Amino acid sequence: MDSAELIERLRREGGFRLLPLLGNTGQVAGVHLTRFLPGGHLDVIQAWDDRWAAYARMPDTLDAGAPFAGPVGGMVRSGPFARIVAPLLPIQSGLTAP
């Protein structure tokens, strides 16, 4: 399954919203996907290409006094896009969990 198909499944089946991920020049450098979960948590996926992505599940809180510090706690993974998103979708052939 290619990245475009995975992104569509994340949107359709996983409840993620898709936004552009900007690089330091203001040009689109990748994709940013987010979803809010019951209980006050947030899932974030950022992918630059098929080979590199990062995922985090964190509390849905942000300290406005230190916005770049990020919330304390949560889970973080990074690696190839397909491997990062596999646990977030229903089990399918061709996808493997990390």
C-alpha atoms as a PDB file:
ATOM      1  CA  MET A   1       0.000   0.000   0.000  1.00  0.00           C
ATOM      2  CA  ASP A   2       1.495   3.352  -0.975  1.00  0.00           C
ATOM      3  CA  SER A   3       1.548   6.515   1.140  1.00  0.00           C
ATOM      4  CA  ALA A   4      -1.396   8.134  -0.660  1.00  0.00           C
ATOM      5  CA  GLU A   5      -3.562   5.086   0.139  1.00  0.00           C
ATOM      6  CA  LEU A   6      -2.383   5.046   3.757  1.00  0.00           C
ATOM      7  CA  ILE A   7      -3.175   8.748   4.149  1.00  0.00           C
ATOM      8  CA  GLU A   8      -6.645   8.221   2.698  1.00  0.00           C
ATOM      9  CA  ARG A   9      -7.278   5.327   5.120  1.00  0.00           C
ATOM     10  CA  LEU A  10      -6.041   7.414   8.040  1.00  0.00           C
ATOM     11  CA  ARG A  11      -8.545  10.099   7.043  1.00  0.00           C
ATOM     12  CA  ARG A  12     -11.461   7.803   6.225  1.00  0.00           C
ATOM     13  CA  GLU A  13     -11.055   5.036   8.818  1.00  0.00           C
ATOM     14  CA  GLY A  14      -8.880   6.644  11.462  1.00  0.00           C
ATOM     15  CA  GLY A  15     -10.547  10.032  11.795  1.00  0.00           C
ATOM     16  CA  PHE A  16      -7.378  12.019  11.029  1.00  0.00           C
ATOM     17  CA  ARG A  17      -7.407  15.493   9.501  1.00  0.00           C
ATOM     18  CA  LEU A  18      -4.781  16.229   6.843  1.00  0.00           C
ATOM     19  CA  LEU A  19      -2.811  19.475   6.733  1.00  0.00           C
ATOM     20  CA  PRO A  20       0.362  20.521   4.903  1.00  0.00           C
ATOM     21  CA  LEU A  21       3.609  20.386   6.870  1.00  0.00           C
ATOM     22  CA  LEU A  22       5.710  23.444   6.067  1.00  0.00           C
ATOM     23  CA  GLY A  23       9.475  23.524   5.929  1.00  0.00           C
ATOM     24  CA  ASN A  24      11.649  26.438   6.998  1.00  0.00           C
ATOM     25  CA  THR A  25      11.151  28.133   3.591  1.00  0.00           C
ATOM     26  CA  GLY A  26       7.348  28.096   3.849  1.00  0.00           C
ATOM     27  CA  GLN A  27       7.049  25.471   1.129  1.00  0.00           C
ATOM     28  CA  VAL A  28       5.169  22.222   1.727  1.00  0.00           C
ATOM     29  CA  ALA A  29       7.713  19.705   3.015  1.00  0.00           C
ATOM     30  CA  GLY A  30       5.364  16.870   4.002  1.00  0.00           C
ATOM     31  CA  VAL A  31       2.048  16.064   5.637  1.00  0.00           C
ATOM     32  CA  HIS A  32       0.671  16.695   9.115  1.00  0.00           C
ATOM     33  CA  LEU A  33      -2.207  14.515  10.336  1.00  0.00           C
ATOM     34  CA  THR A  34      -4.041  14.969  13.632  1.00  0.00           C
ATOM     35  CA  ARG A  35      -6.990  13.514  15.491  1.00  0.00           C
ATOM     36  CA  PHE A  36      -8.490  14.322  18.872  1.00  0.00           C
ATOM     37  CA  LEU A  37      -9.301  11.323  21.065  1.00  0.00           C
ATOM     38  CA  PRO A  38     -11.823  10.969  23.865  1.00  0.00           C
ATOM     39  CA  GLY A  39     -10.296  11.530  27.273  1.00  0.00           C
ATOM     40  CA  GLY A  40      -8.225  14.563  26.289  1.00  0.00           C
ATOM     41  CA  HIS A  41      -5.534  13.069  24.056  1.00  0.00           C
ATOM     42  CA  LEU A  42      -4.212  14.026  20.636  1.00  0.00           C
ATOM     43  CA  ASP A  43      -2.568  11.865  17.952  1.00  0.00           C
ATOM     44  CA  VAL A  44      -0.108  13.647  15.645  1.00  0.00           C
ATOM     45  CA  ILE A  45       1.645  12.184  12.589  1.00  0.00           C
ATOM     46  CA  GLN A  46       4.169  14.174  10.572  1.00  0.00           C
ATOM     47  CA  ALA A  47       5.698  12.619   7.473  1.00  0.00           C
ATOM     48  CA  TRP A  48       8.329  14.017   5.162  1.00  0.00           C
ATOM     49  CA  ASP A  49       8.299  11.081   2.733  1.00  0.00           C
ATOM     50  CA  ASP A  50       7.789   7.288   2.712  1.00  0.00           C
ATOM     51  CA  ARG A  51      11.022   6.744   4.602  1.00  0.00           C
ATOM     52  CA  TRP A  52      10.646   9.186   7.484  1.00  0.00           C
ATOM     53  CA  ALA A  53       7.730   9.986   9.779  1.00  0.00           C
ATOM     54  CA  ALA A  54       7.106  10.753  13.433  1.00  0.00           C
ATOM     55  CA  TYR A  55       4.079   9.894  15.557  1.00  0.00           C
ATOM     56  CA  ALA A  56       3.088  11.084  19.018  1.00  0.00           C
ATOM     57  CA  ARG A  57       0.101  10.529  21.291  1.00  0.00           C
ATOM     58  CA  MET A  58       0.016  13.216  23.939  1.00  0.00           C
ATOM     59  CA  PRO A  59      -2.323  14.997  26.304  1.00  0.00           C
ATOM     60  CA  ASP A  60      -4.398  17.632  24.511  1.00  0.00           C
ATOM     61  CA  THR A  61      -2.873  20.508  26.475  1.00  0.00           C
ATOM     62  CA  LEU A  62      -0.421  23.221  25.588  1.00  0.00           C
ATOM     63  CA  ASP A  63       1.218  25.750  27.889  1.00  0.00           C
ATOM     64  CA  ALA A  64       0.806  29.116  26.154  1.00  0.00           C
ATOM     65  CA  GLY A  65       3.746  30.420  28.212  1.00  0.00           C
ATOM     66  CA  ALA A  66       6.061  27.749  26.737  1.00  0.00           C
ATOM     67  CA  PRO A  67       4.392  26.635  23.483  1.00  0.00           C
ATOM     68  CA  PHE A  68       7.466  24.907  22.034  1.00  0.00           C
ATOM     69  CA  ALA A  69       8.037  22.760  25.108  1.00  0.00           C
ATOM     70  CA  GLY A  70       5.038  20.579  24.282  1.00  0.00           C
ATOM     71  CA  PRO A  71       2.931  18.658  26.760  1.00  0.00           C
ATOM     72  CA  VAL A  72       4.541  16.290  29.257  1.00  0.00           C
ATOM     73  CA  GLY A  73       3.849  12.585  28.851  1.00  0.00           C
ATOM     74  CA  GLY A  74       2.730  10.541  25.905  1.00  0.00           C
ATOM     75  CA  MET A  75       4.124   8.084  23.400  1.00  0.00           C
ATOM     76  CA  VAL A  76       6.519   8.867  20.534  1.00  0.00           C
ATOM     77  CA  ARG A  77       7.717   6.765  17.576  1.00  0.00           C
ATOM     78  CA  SER A  78       9.634   7.562  14.409  1.00  0.00           C
ATOM     79  CA  GLY A  79      10.667   5.632  11.313  1.00  0.00           C
ATOM     80  CA  PRO A  80       9.234   4.686   7.905  1.00  0.00           C
ATOM     81  CA  PHE A  81       5.726   6.065   7.317  1.00  0.00           C
ATOM     82  CA  ALA A  82       4.008   2.693   6.743  1.00  0.00           C
ATOM     83  CA  ARG A  83       5.502   1.208   9.923  1.00  0.00           C
ATOM     84  CA  ILE A  84       4.536   4.227  12.027  1.00  0.00           C
ATOM     85  CA  VAL A  85       0.893   4.283  10.910  1.00  0.00           C
ATOM     86  CA  ALA A  86       0.232   0.518  10.848  1.00  0.00           C
ATOM     87  CA  PRO A  87      -0.834   0.304  14.524  1.00  0.00           C
ATOM     88  CA  LEU A  88      -3.273   3.185  13.991  1.00  0.00           C
ATOM     89  CA  LEU A  89      -5.324   1.339  11.361  1.00  0.00           C
ATOM     90  CA  PRO A  90      -7.275  -1.930  11.384  1.00  0.00           C
ATOM     91  CA  ILE A  91      -5.038  -4.939  10.632  1.00  0.00           C
ATOM     92  CA  GLN A  92      -4.507  -5.456   6.893  1.00  0.00           C
ATOM     93  CA  SER A  93      -2.152  -7.606   4.905  1.00  0.00           C
ATOM     94  CA  GLY A  94       0.987  -5.751   3.937  1.00  0.00           C
ATOM     95  CA  LEU A  95       1.126  -3.609   7.057  1.00  0.00           C
ATOM     96  CA  THR A  96       3.212  -4.588  10.029  1.00  0.00           C
ATOM     97  CA  ALA A  97       3.300  -3.148  13.506  1.00  0.00           C
ATOM     98  CA  PRO A  98       6.522  -1.629  14.868  1.00  0.00           C
END
